[in-house]
Amino acid sequence: MASLLACEQIKSAPLDASAGPGDGAEAGGADAAPGADGSGSSGSSGSSGSSGSSSGSSGDGGSTTDSGATDGATRDVDRAWAAWPLPPPSPPTGNYSNLGMSVRDETTLLVWERTPSPTKRTWQQGRDYCDTLVLDGQSDWRLPKRIELISIVDYAAASPAINAVAFPATVVDYFWTDSLDAANSVVNPTYKAWVVDFSDGTIGPIPSDGLYFVRCVRAGR
């Protein structure tokens, strides 16, 4: 098992939010906690778990309100992600089961779209595409959270940085995640979402109106 923090320290490098694949960047953002089946929630997250709220400050994994009470919800989120199983940095082909048009990760039990759509989409269009996708008789597809998408990165491979047997025809480009950048605010009206660069597995937030690729995911059973 590896914690979310450890995973993102080991399995990511920042990108320049305004540049193309392969450049350097800022960090931030948070992912929603996984459900009981190990997958992330389908809703998007817009604030970092380490940032304080307007009514108080964050501390020891929970937020403190004006009354001094500690919110245990943040700690629950941290525990949930800490218990989430992570594949090795270079997942072997045997870690995946071919289901036809989809593939199941036998570590996380997430089921992935095996060959991604060749169409580039904005972040919202990517969410809509996954929400309406029907594949292998299943219709509960969604855009993956940041931690979920980097779990299939193969850091021993490059261009593309993924197991090419389990995931054929993966383009060397950015892929959208459902995770929003924590810096989103009224000061930054062009909100950003996190992407994974499958040339080398680096991650970073970029403006959500850009056109990039999508690989949908669903919870395994």
Protein backbone atom coordinates (compact mmCIF):
# COMPACT_ATOMS: atom_id res chain seq x y z
CA MET A 1 0.00 0.00 0.00
CA ALA A 2 1.13 3.50 -0.62
CA SER A 3 -0.41 6.73 0.57
CA LEU A 4 -1.79 9.36 -1.78
CA LEU A 5 1.05 11.67 -0.74
CA ALA A 6 3.69 9.07 -1.41
CA CYS A 7 2.10 8.19 -4.74
CA GLU A 8 2.09 11.75 -5.95
CA GLN A 9 5.66 12.31 -4.79
CA ILE A 10 6.88 9.21 -6.61
CA LYS A 11 4.57 9.00 -9.60
CA SER A 12 4.31 12.63 -10.68
CA ALA A 13 6.32 15.62 -11.83
CA PRO A 14 4.82 19.07 -12.34
CA LEU A 15 3.86 20.58 -15.69
CA ASP A 16 3.60 24.10 -17.02
CA ALA A 17 -0.13 24.76 -17.09
CA SER A 18 0.16 26.79 -20.30
CA ALA A 19 2.59 24.56 -22.20
CA GLY A 20 2.38 21.37 -24.23
CA PRO A 21 3.28 17.85 -23.07
CA GLY A 22 6.63 17.36 -21.39
CA ASP A 23 7.20 20.80 -19.80
CA GLY A 24 7.49 21.74 -16.07
CA ALA A 25 4.65 23.12 -13.60
CA GLU A 26 2.89 24.08 -10.41
CA ALA A 27 1.23 21.67 -7.99
CA GLY A 28 -2.05 21.75 -6.10
CA GLY A 29 -5.55 20.30 -6.08
CA ALA A 30 -7.21 17.41 -4.33
CA ASP A 31 -9.09 14.25 -5.18
CA ALA A 32 -12.35 13.07 -3.69
CA ALA A 33 -12.13 10.01 -1.47
CA PRO A 34 -12.73 6.61 -3.08
CA GLY A 35 -15.97 4.75 -2.54
CA ALA A 36 -16.27 1.40 -0.84
CA ASP A 37 -15.33 -0.31 -4.11
CA GLY A 38 -11.98 1.50 -4.21
CA SER A 39 -12.86 4.01 -6.93
CA GLY A 40 -13.06 7.77 -6.58
CA SER A 41 -16.41 9.52 -6.43
CA SER A 42 -17.85 10.75 -9.72
CA GLY A 43 -18.13 14.34 -8.53
CA SER A 44 -15.32 16.80 -9.19
CA SER A 45 -13.25 18.29 -6.39
CA GLY A 46 -12.38 21.94 -6.33
CA SER A 47 -10.28 22.53 -3.22
CA SER A 48 -7.10 21.16 -1.73
CA GLY A 49 -7.36 19.07 1.42
CA SER A 50 -4.45 21.07 2.84
CA SER A 51 -5.96 24.52 2.37
CA GLY A 52 -7.83 26.29 5.16
CA SER A 53 -11.48 27.29 4.87
CA SER A 54 -12.68 30.88 5.08
CA SER A 55 -14.09 30.22 8.54
CA GLY A 56 -10.97 28.72 10.06
CA SER A 57 -7.70 26.96 9.43
CA SER A 58 -6.74 23.42 8.63
CA GLY A 59 -4.79 21.28 11.07
CA ASP A 60 -3.89 17.66 11.75
CA GLY A 61 -5.98 16.44 8.79
CA GLY A 62 -9.18 18.22 9.86
CA SER A 63 -10.43 21.77 9.49
CA THR A 64 -11.03 23.98 12.53
CA THR A 65 -14.07 26.23 12.63
CA ASP A 66 -14.49 29.52 14.51
CA SER A 67 -15.96 27.60 17.41
CA GLY A 68 -12.81 25.49 17.66
CA ALA A 69 -14.51 22.26 16.57
CA THR A 70 -12.51 19.93 14.34
CA ASP A 71 -14.12 18.61 11.18
CA GLY A 72 -13.34 14.90 10.92
CA ALA A 73 -14.45 14.67 7.28
CA THR A 74 -11.01 15.63 5.97
CA ARG A 75 -9.37 12.98 8.13
CA ASP A 76 -11.82 10.40 6.78
CA VAL A 77 -10.90 11.38 3.21
CA ASP A 78 -7.20 11.03 4.03
CA ARG A 79 -7.72 7.60 5.59
CA ALA A 80 -9.76 6.42 2.61
CA TRP A 81 -7.05 7.35 0.11
CA ALA A 82 -4.30 5.99 2.36
CA ALA A 83 -5.99 2.59 2.24
CA TRP A 84 -6.44 2.66 -1.54
CA PRO A 85 -4.36 -0.09 -3.22
CA LEU A 86 -1.78 1.15 -5.71
CA PRO A 87 -0.17 -0.86 -8.52
CA PRO A 88 3.64 -0.86 -8.81
CA PRO A 89 5.32 1.98 -10.75
CA SER A 90 5.57 -0.35 -13.76
CA PRO A 91 2.43 -2.55 -13.74
CA PRO A 92 3.04 -5.86 -15.58
CA THR A 93 0.67 -7.11 -18.28
CA GLY A 94 -0.50 -9.79 -15.85
CA ASN A 95 -1.92 -7.04 -13.64
CA TYR A 96 -4.68 -6.47 -16.21
CA SER A 97 -7.57 -8.62 -17.45
CA ASN A 98 -8.82 -8.03 -20.99
CA LEU A 99 -12.63 -7.79 -20.94
CA GLY A 100 -13.03 -7.01 -24.63
CA MET A 101 -13.36 -3.27 -25.19
CA SER A 102 -12.30 -2.63 -21.60
CA VAL A 103 -9.61 -3.86 -19.22
CA ARG A 104 -9.69 -4.50 -15.47
CA ASP A 105 -6.83 -3.54 -13.17
CA GLU A 106 -6.59 -6.48 -10.77
CA THR A 107 -4.97 -4.33 -8.08
CA THR A 108 -7.46 -1.46 -7.90
CA LEU A 109 -10.34 -3.39 -9.55
CA LEU A 110 -11.06 -0.34 -11.68
CA VAL A 111 -12.24 -1.11 -15.22
CA TRP A 112 -10.80 1.10 -17.97
CA GLU A 113 -11.71 1.95 -21.53
CA ARG A 114 -9.06 -0.13 -23.31
CA THR A 115 -8.61 1.98 -26.44
CA PRO A 116 -9.37 5.68 -25.94
CA SER A 117 -11.50 7.72 -28.28
CA PRO A 118 -9.37 9.45 -30.97
CA THR A 119 -11.36 12.67 -30.51
CA LYS A 120 -9.92 15.54 -28.48
CA ARG A 121 -12.34 17.18 -26.05
CA THR A 122 -12.54 19.98 -23.50
CA TRP A 123 -12.72 18.92 -19.86
CA GLN A 124 -16.52 19.24 -19.74
CA GLN A 125 -16.93 17.46 -23.07
CA GLY A 126 -14.75 14.67 -21.70
CA ARG A 127 -16.98 14.34 -18.65
CA ASP A 128 -20.07 14.27 -20.86
CA TYR A 129 -18.52 11.66 -23.15
CA CYS A 130 -17.76 9.30 -20.27
CA ASP A 131 -21.15 9.87 -18.64
CA THR A 132 -22.92 8.73 -21.83
CA LEU A 133 -20.50 5.97 -22.87
CA VAL A 134 -21.83 2.41 -23.23
CA LEU A 135 -19.03 -0.13 -23.50
CA ASP A 136 -18.98 -3.90 -22.96
CA GLY A 137 -22.63 -3.63 -21.93
CA GLN A 138 -21.87 -1.15 -19.13
CA SER A 139 -23.09 2.45 -18.87
CA ASP A 140 -21.68 3.66 -15.52
CA TRP A 141 -18.50 5.16 -16.98
CA ARG A 142 -17.00 8.42 -15.74
CA LEU A 143 -13.90 10.58 -16.06
CA PRO A 144 -11.20 9.26 -13.68
CA LYS A 145 -9.81 11.13 -10.70
CA ARG A 146 -6.18 12.21 -10.85
CA ILE A 147 -4.94 9.45 -8.52
CA GLU A 148 -6.87 6.85 -10.51
CA LEU A 149 -5.41 7.84 -13.88
CA ILE A 150 -1.82 7.93 -12.65
CA SER A 151 -2.31 4.42 -11.23
CA ILE A 152 -2.11 3.02 -14.80
CA VAL A 153 1.00 4.99 -15.77
CA ASP A 154 4.00 2.76 -16.50
CA TYR A 155 7.08 4.69 -15.38
CA ALA A 156 9.41 2.16 -17.00
CA ALA A 157 7.91 3.02 -20.40
CA ALA A 158 7.74 6.21 -22.41
CA SER A 159 5.84 7.63 -25.38
CA PRO A 160 3.43 6.23 -24.31
CA ALA A 161 4.06 5.75 -20.58
CA ILE A 162 1.58 2.90 -20.23
CA ASN A 163 1.44 -0.87 -20.71
CA ALA A 164 0.94 -1.05 -24.48
CA VAL A 165 -0.43 -4.60 -24.39
CA ALA A 166 -3.21 -3.80 -21.92
CA PHE A 167 -3.84 -0.33 -23.38
CA PRO A 168 -3.14 -0.30 -27.13
CA ALA A 169 -3.27 2.82 -29.32
CA THR A 170 -2.64 5.22 -26.43
CA VAL A 171 -1.65 8.58 -27.92
CA VAL A 172 1.31 10.51 -26.54
CA ASP A 173 -0.54 13.53 -25.19
CA TYR A 174 -2.47 14.88 -22.21
CA PHE A 175 -5.46 12.96 -20.83
CA TRP A 176 -8.08 14.71 -18.70
CA THR A 177 -8.88 13.77 -15.12
CA ASP A 178 -12.01 14.79 -13.23
CA SER A 179 -9.91 16.56 -10.57
CA LEU A 180 -10.01 20.36 -10.52
CA ASP A 181 -7.07 22.54 -9.52
CA ALA A 182 -7.19 24.03 -6.02
CA ALA A 183 -6.26 27.48 -7.39
CA ASN A 184 -9.65 27.87 -9.09
CA SER A 185 -11.36 31.04 -7.87
CA VAL A 186 -13.21 34.16 -9.00
CA VAL A 187 -9.75 35.63 -9.58
CA ASN A 188 -9.04 32.79 -11.99
CA PRO A 189 -12.25 32.48 -14.07
CA THR A 190 -10.63 30.11 -16.56
CA TYR A 191 -10.66 27.18 -14.19
CA LYS A 192 -8.08 24.44 -14.52
CA ALA A 193 -8.31 20.68 -14.32
CA TRP A 194 -5.55 18.14 -13.83
CA VAL A 195 -4.16 16.14 -16.73
CA VAL A 196 -1.73 13.25 -17.05
CA ASP A 197 0.86 13.47 -19.83
CA PHE A 198 1.23 9.96 -21.27
CA SER A 199 4.55 10.76 -22.88
CA ASP A 200 6.24 10.37 -19.50
CA GLY A 201 3.56 10.22 -16.77
CA THR A 202 3.93 13.77 -15.46
CA ILE A 203 0.87 15.63 -14.20
CA GLY A 204 -0.29 19.22 -13.90
CA PRO A 205 -3.31 21.57 -14.07
CA ILE A 206 -4.21 23.24 -17.36
CA PRO A 207 -7.14 25.42 -18.54
CA SER A 208 -10.26 23.28 -18.92
CA ASP A 209 -11.16 24.71 -22.32
CA GLY A 210 -8.17 23.02 -23.98
CA LEU A 211 -8.67 20.03 -26.26
CA TYR A 212 -7.15 16.79 -25.00
CA PHE A 213 -7.89 13.09 -24.78
CA VAL A 214 -10.07 11.02 -22.45
CA ARG A 215 -9.89 7.50 -21.06
CA CYS A 216 -13.05 6.58 -19.12
CA VAL A 217 -13.20 4.38 -16.02
CA ARG A 218 -15.80 2.54 -13.98
CA ALA A 219 -15.79 0.66 -10.68
CA GLY A 220 -15.17 -3.06 -10.97
CA ARG A 221 -17.45 -5.59 -9.34
